Amino acid sequence: MSSYYDKLSQLSANRESLSQRRNRNLREDHCDSTRPSAFRAINMSTLQQIPANTTVKVLYPNLQFDLANEFNSVASMFIPDAKGVYSFVASVLFSPSNFNEAYRGRISIQVNGHEVAADNDFFGANIEIKNIISVATITQLQNNDIVEVFFVSSVDGTIDLLNSITRFEGARFPSPAT
């Protein structure tokens, strides 16, 4: 008569390890959801005027790289070909027209017109430096979702051009589609 532990040993001997099962599942999927997907776009060419209290789509016309040809630099949109979990970072270099006035700047990442992440920065009056405002998120996307960045300020100003500070970048996590 077999003991309980002998039965467990027999079951374990016939069972695939967790990593073997995961690798088998990845091989069986045969989909492009595990292919690399990453991009980085900046704004080095288009000075954007920001009217007070007006939400403006941020432009990122200068593509630095796009592994899967999913970023449209003319429209400043990321449209994934594969569903999965993605990480995004966006930032702007904002310069108010009048440094003597306190103001708020807000940047957001939207998916299909719905906000998925946002961040506010508040600056007091008489602080004569430009403000770098950024936001980051991890979100689940479906193929053909549209990811865009928007900005609003409580005062008039511009999104300035300086190195690659005004940027939008993202990458898909290397995992099976969920």
Foldseek 3Di string as FASTA:
>chain_A
DDDPVVVVVVVVVPDDDPVVVQVVVVVVVPDCQLPKWKWKFFDQDDKFKAAAPDKDFDARQGTPDTPPPQADNVVRKGFAQAWAKKKKKFKFWKAFPAQQAKKKKKKFKDKQNHTDWMDMDTDHHPPHDIDIDMIMDIDTDHGGIIITMMMHMNGITIRDHDDGSGMMMMIGDNHDHD
